Protein backbone atom coordinates (compact mmCIF):
# COMPACT_ATOMS: atom_id res chain seq x y z
CA UNK A 1 22.99 -30.91 17.25
CA UNK A 2 21.17 -29.31 14.40
CA UNK A 3 20.81 -25.61 14.77
CA UNK A 4 18.03 -24.13 12.52
CA UNK A 5 17.77 -20.34 12.10
CA UNK A 6 14.27 -19.31 12.35
CA UNK A 7 13.07 -15.58 11.63
CA UNK A 8 12.34 -13.56 14.65
CA UNK A 9 10.19 -10.51 15.00
CA UNK A 10 13.20 -8.73 16.43
CA UNK A 11 15.33 -9.29 13.24
CA UNK A 12 12.81 -7.75 10.86
CA UNK A 13 13.87 -4.56 9.30
CA UNK A 14 12.82 -1.20 11.01
CA UNK A 15 11.63 0.30 7.78
CA UNK A 16 8.71 -2.28 7.58
CA UNK A 17 7.50 -0.79 10.90
CA UNK A 18 7.76 2.73 9.42
CA UNK A 19 5.79 1.81 6.37
CA UNK A 20 3.14 0.22 8.50
CA UNK A 21 2.77 3.39 10.73
CA UNK A 22 2.62 5.58 7.65
CA UNK A 23 -0.06 3.39 6.07
CA UNK A 24 -2.02 3.47 9.21
CA UNK A 25 -1.79 7.13 9.23
CA UNK A 26 -3.12 7.49 5.69
CA UNK A 27 -5.82 5.04 6.43
CA UNK A 28 -7.09 7.08 9.25
CA UNK A 29 -6.55 10.59 8.19
CA UNK A 30 -5.75 10.60 4.46
CA UNK A 31 -2.55 11.80 2.81
CA UNK A 32 0.39 12.69 4.81
CA UNK A 33 1.24 16.42 5.01
CA UNK A 34 3.68 17.50 2.34
CA UNK A 35 5.94 19.24 4.82
CA UNK A 36 6.51 15.88 6.59
CA UNK A 37 8.89 14.76 3.85
CA UNK A 38 11.27 17.57 4.86
CA UNK A 39 11.94 16.11 8.21
CA UNK A 40 14.35 13.42 9.19
CA UNK A 41 12.93 9.97 9.14
CA UNK A 42 13.01 9.41 13.03
CA UNK A 43 11.08 12.63 13.52
CA UNK A 44 8.54 11.80 10.84
CA UNK A 45 7.70 8.47 12.45
CA UNK A 46 7.57 9.98 15.78
CA UNK A 47 5.17 12.65 14.63
CA UNK A 48 3.05 10.06 12.84
CA UNK A 49 2.87 7.92 15.95
CA UNK A 50 2.02 10.98 18.00
CA UNK A 51 -0.89 11.80 15.58
CA UNK A 52 -2.16 8.20 15.74
CA UNK A 53 -2.13 8.05 19.61
CA UNK A 54 -4.02 11.24 19.99
CA UNK A 55 -6.55 10.50 17.32
CA UNK A 56 -6.10 13.71 15.17
CA UNK A 57 -4.18 14.35 11.95
CA UNK A 58 -0.92 16.20 11.97
CA UNK A 59 -0.67 20.00 11.67
CA UNK A 60 2.33 22.02 11.14
CA UNK A 61 2.36 23.19 14.76
CA UNK A 62 3.12 19.53 15.66
CA UNK A 63 6.73 19.99 14.78
CA UNK A 64 7.40 21.76 17.93
CA UNK A 65 5.85 18.84 19.98
């Protein structure tokens, strides 16, 4: 039996998804806020997703979200 490995959506690196989310934010709202870079990556992505879902750009008060 021949077993051929095929790429899976589940095996793609997580950072590709993060870049896509950040690109979507910049497309909709412009540049990311400077303070966003000071946050851990997971929190950054979470906040960007939050902004995209609510349809409004991020503000500093969103950090307490």
